[in-house]
Amino acid sequence: MCGFYYSNQHPSNYDFTDVTQRGFEYKTYSSNNYFAVQSVLPCVNNIDWNLYESEYHLFLFTGEIYNYDRFYKNDSLHLFNLIQNSKDWTFFDELNGMFAISIYNKNTSAITLVRDP
């Protein structure tokens, strides 16, 4: 369905030629401190190509959450709010939908991957 790649060890002008893509639709994100790649197979209809960034995390999302809080404009914004404000990530167990999520912790360089059951 999709692939995610993060690194904080490449320069911001890196050309990404050594990154093998899973899907031919992909987008890269770069800054002075990191870069990320999101690739998606063409069978996925709902692609959120936004890289969400908070003080501690980077967040990429592909898919659709059916039970998101309608207070938010879309499911991505709802997930981003949950990621930023949750002490633990047990809320992932309650998500209903078809999705793949990657979260990069900028402080620890840890990557958390979540997908639908």
C-alpha atoms as a PDB file:
ATOM      1  CA  MET A   1       0.000   0.000   0.000  1.00  0.00           C
ATOM      2  CA  CYS A   2       2.653   2.543   0.935  1.00  0.00           C
ATOM      3  CA  GLY A   3       6.157   3.079   2.173  1.00  0.00           C
ATOM      4  CA  PHE A   4       7.800   5.692   4.360  1.00  0.00           C
ATOM      5  CA  TYR A   5      11.449   6.621   4.723  1.00  0.00           C
ATOM      6  CA  TYR A   6      13.014   9.090   7.159  1.00  0.00           C
ATOM      7  CA  SER A   7      16.590  10.122   7.720  1.00  0.00           C
ATOM      8  CA  ASN A   8      18.355  12.784   9.717  1.00  0.00           C
ATOM      9  CA  GLN A   9      21.783  11.967   8.297  1.00  0.00           C
ATOM     10  CA  HIS A  10      21.581  13.331   4.754  1.00  0.00           C
ATOM     11  CA  PRO A  11      22.061  16.908   3.577  1.00  0.00           C
ATOM     12  CA  SER A  12      18.981  18.860   2.527  1.00  0.00           C
ATOM     13  CA  ASN A  13      20.106  18.832  -1.136  1.00  0.00           C
ATOM     14  CA  TYR A  14      20.201  15.017  -1.264  1.00  0.00           C
ATOM     15  CA  ASP A  15      18.883  13.689  -4.604  1.00  0.00           C
ATOM     16  CA  PHE A  16      17.131  10.506  -3.302  1.00  0.00           C
ATOM     17  CA  THR A  17      18.422   8.317  -6.159  1.00  0.00           C
ATOM     18  CA  ASP A  18      19.445   5.529  -3.769  1.00  0.00           C
ATOM     19  CA  VAL A  19      15.954   5.259  -2.250  1.00  0.00           C
ATOM     20  CA  THR A  20      14.001   2.404  -3.841  1.00  0.00           C
ATOM     21  CA  GLN A  21      10.339   3.347  -4.198  1.00  0.00           C
ATOM     22  CA  ARG A  22       7.526   0.882  -3.616  1.00  0.00           C
ATOM     23  CA  GLY A  23       5.103   2.849  -5.708  1.00  0.00           C
ATOM     24  CA  PHE A  24       5.658   5.165  -8.616  1.00  0.00           C
ATOM     25  CA  GLU A  25       3.674   7.920  -6.918  1.00  0.00           C
ATOM     26  CA  TYR A  26       5.877   9.479  -4.291  1.00  0.00           C
ATOM     27  CA  LYS A  27       6.764  12.755  -2.651  1.00  0.00           C
ATOM     28  CA  THR A  28       9.898  13.875  -0.847  1.00  0.00           C
ATOM     29  CA  TYR A  29      10.229  16.340   2.004  1.00  0.00           C
ATOM     30  CA  SER A  30      13.486  17.886   3.127  1.00  0.00           C
ATOM     31  CA  SER A  31      14.891  20.447   5.520  1.00  0.00           C
ATOM     32  CA  ASN A  32      18.290  21.128   7.021  1.00  0.00           C
ATOM     33  CA  ASN A  33      17.732  18.512   9.732  1.00  0.00           C
ATOM     34  CA  TYR A  34      16.023  15.579   8.003  1.00  0.00           C
ATOM     35  CA  PHE A  35      14.331  14.267   4.915  1.00  0.00           C
ATOM     36  CA  ALA A  36      11.376  11.986   4.420  1.00  0.00           C
ATOM     37  CA  VAL A  37       9.943  10.083   1.481  1.00  0.00           C
ATOM     38  CA  GLN A  38       6.373   8.823   1.159  1.00  0.00           C
ATOM     39  CA  SER A  39       5.574   6.372  -1.636  1.00  0.00           C
ATOM     40  CA  VAL A  40       2.154   5.021  -2.494  1.00  0.00           C
ATOM     41  CA  LEU A  41       0.907   2.308  -4.817  1.00  0.00           C
ATOM     42  CA  PRO A  42      -1.654   3.679  -7.292  1.00  0.00           C
ATOM     43  CA  CYS A  43      -4.501   1.571  -5.841  1.00  0.00           C
ATOM     44  CA  VAL A  44      -4.734   3.928  -2.851  1.00  0.00           C
ATOM     45  CA  ASN A  45      -7.332   6.651  -3.423  1.00  0.00           C
ATOM     46  CA  ASN A  46      -6.882   8.882  -0.371  1.00  0.00           C
ATOM     47  CA  ILE A  47      -3.337  10.188  -0.294  1.00  0.00           C
ATOM     48  CA  ASP A  48      -2.520  12.966   2.121  1.00  0.00           C
ATOM     49  CA  TRP A  49       0.748  14.315   0.768  1.00  0.00           C
ATOM     50  CA  ASN A  50       1.212  16.662   3.713  1.00  0.00           C
ATOM     51  CA  LEU A  51       4.084  16.280   6.114  1.00  0.00           C
ATOM     52  CA  TYR A  52       2.766  17.332   9.505  1.00  0.00           C
ATOM     53  CA  GLU A  53       5.291  18.669  11.973  1.00  0.00           C
ATOM     54  CA  SER A  54       5.028  19.443  15.663  1.00  0.00           C
ATOM     55  CA  GLU A  55       7.704  20.339  18.155  1.00  0.00           C
ATOM     56  CA  TYR A  56       8.635  16.677  18.678  1.00  0.00           C
ATOM     57  CA  HIS A  57       7.227  14.689  15.752  1.00  0.00           C
ATOM     58  CA  LEU A  58       6.947  14.381  11.990  1.00  0.00           C
ATOM     59  CA  PHE A  59       3.829  12.584  10.797  1.00  0.00           C
ATOM     60  CA  LEU A  60       2.916  11.037   7.417  1.00  0.00           C
ATOM     61  CA  PHE A  61      -0.440   9.394   6.764  1.00  0.00           C
ATOM     62  CA  THR A  62      -1.998   7.449   3.928  1.00  0.00           C
ATOM     63  CA  GLY A  63      -5.504   5.993   3.921  1.00  0.00           C
ATOM     64  CA  GLU A  64      -8.741   6.875   5.608  1.00  0.00           C
ATOM     65  CA  ILE A  65     -10.003   6.874   9.198  1.00  0.00           C
ATOM     66  CA  TYR A  66     -13.769   6.360   9.343  1.00  0.00           C
ATOM     67  CA  ASN A  67     -14.357   7.220  12.987  1.00  0.00           C
ATOM     68  CA  TYR A  68     -12.474  10.508  13.259  1.00  0.00           C
ATOM     69  CA  ASP A  69     -13.867  13.411  15.260  1.00  0.00           C
ATOM     70  CA  ARG A  70     -15.878  15.570  12.822  1.00  0.00           C
ATOM     71  CA  PHE A  71     -14.765  18.665  14.749  1.00  0.00           C
ATOM     72  CA  TYR A  72     -11.650  18.482  12.534  1.00  0.00           C
ATOM     73  CA  LYS A  73     -11.628  19.279   8.838  1.00  0.00           C
ATOM     74  CA  ASN A  74     -10.345  15.793   7.980  1.00  0.00           C
ATOM     75  CA  ASP A  75      -8.968  12.612   9.496  1.00  0.00           C
ATOM     76  CA  SER A  76      -5.335  13.676   9.061  1.00  0.00           C
ATOM     77  CA  LEU A  77      -5.805  16.760  11.215  1.00  0.00           C
ATOM     78  CA  HIS A  78      -7.589  14.685  13.841  1.00  0.00           C
ATOM     79  CA  LEU A  79      -4.717  12.180  13.939  1.00  0.00           C
ATOM     80  CA  PHE A  80      -2.142  14.945  14.086  1.00  0.00           C
ATOM     81  CA  ASN A  81      -3.914  16.474  17.080  1.00  0.00           C
ATOM     82  CA  LEU A  82      -4.008  13.087  18.828  1.00  0.00           C
ATOM     83  CA  ILE A  83      -0.306  12.495  18.179  1.00  0.00           C
ATOM     84  CA  GLN A  84       0.681  15.917  19.486  1.00  0.00           C
ATOM     85  CA  ASN A  85      -1.435  15.793  22.634  1.00  0.00           C
ATOM     86  CA  SER A  86      -1.467  12.166  23.788  1.00  0.00           C
ATOM     87  CA  LYS A  87       0.715  10.922  26.627  1.00  0.00           C
ATOM     88  CA  ASP A  88       0.486   7.399  25.245  1.00  0.00           C
ATOM     89  CA  TRP A  89      -0.646   6.206  21.874  1.00  0.00           C
ATOM     90  CA  THR A  90      -3.299   3.725  22.927  1.00  0.00           C
ATOM     91  CA  PHE A  91      -5.813   5.668  20.809  1.00  0.00           C
ATOM     92  CA  PHE A  92      -4.445   3.831  17.760  1.00  0.00           C
ATOM     93  CA  ASP A  93      -6.293   0.719  18.985  1.00  0.00           C
ATOM     94  CA  GLU A  94      -9.603   2.567  18.562  1.00  0.00           C
ATOM     95  CA  LEU A  95      -9.076   3.698  14.952  1.00  0.00           C
ATOM     96  CA  ASN A  96     -11.395   2.237  12.340  1.00  0.00           C
ATOM     97  CA  GLY A  97     -10.359   2.421   8.707  1.00  0.00           C
ATOM     98  CA  MET A  98      -7.712   1.518   6.154  1.00  0.00           C
ATOM     99  CA  PHE A  99      -4.505   3.390   6.876  1.00  0.00           C
ATOM    100  CA  ALA A 100      -0.755   3.446   7.296  1.00  0.00           C
ATOM    101  CA  ILE A 101       0.857   5.983   9.603  1.00  0.00           C
ATOM    102  CA  SER A 102       4.479   6.815  10.291  1.00  0.00           C
ATOM    103  CA  ILE A 103       5.657   9.029  13.127  1.00  0.00           C
ATOM    104  CA  TYR A 104       9.242  10.185  13.481  1.00  0.00           C
ATOM    105  CA  ASN A 105      10.339  11.420  16.905  1.00  0.00           C
ATOM    106  CA  LYS A 106      12.774  14.263  16.274  1.00  0.00           C
ATOM    107  CA  ASN A 107      14.336  14.027  19.747  1.00  0.00           C
ATOM    108  CA  THR A 108      15.018  10.296  19.861  1.00  0.00           C
ATOM    109  CA  SER A 109      15.092   9.492  16.091  1.00  0.00           C
ATOM    110  CA  ALA A 110      12.609   6.691  16.815  1.00  0.00           C
ATOM    111  CA  ILE A 111      10.081   5.797  14.140  1.00  0.00           C
ATOM    112  CA  THR A 112       6.640   4.454  15.021  1.00  0.00           C
ATOM    113  CA  LEU A 113       4.698   2.682  12.285  1.00  0.00           C
ATOM    114  CA  VAL A 114       0.986   1.992  12.635  1.00  0.00           C
ATOM    115  CA  ARG A 115      -1.375   0.314  10.204  1.00  0.00           C
ATOM    116  CA  ASP A 116      -4.923  -0.892  10.139  1.00  0.00           C
ATOM    117  CA  PRO A 117      -5.611  -4.394  11.483  1.00  0.00           C
END
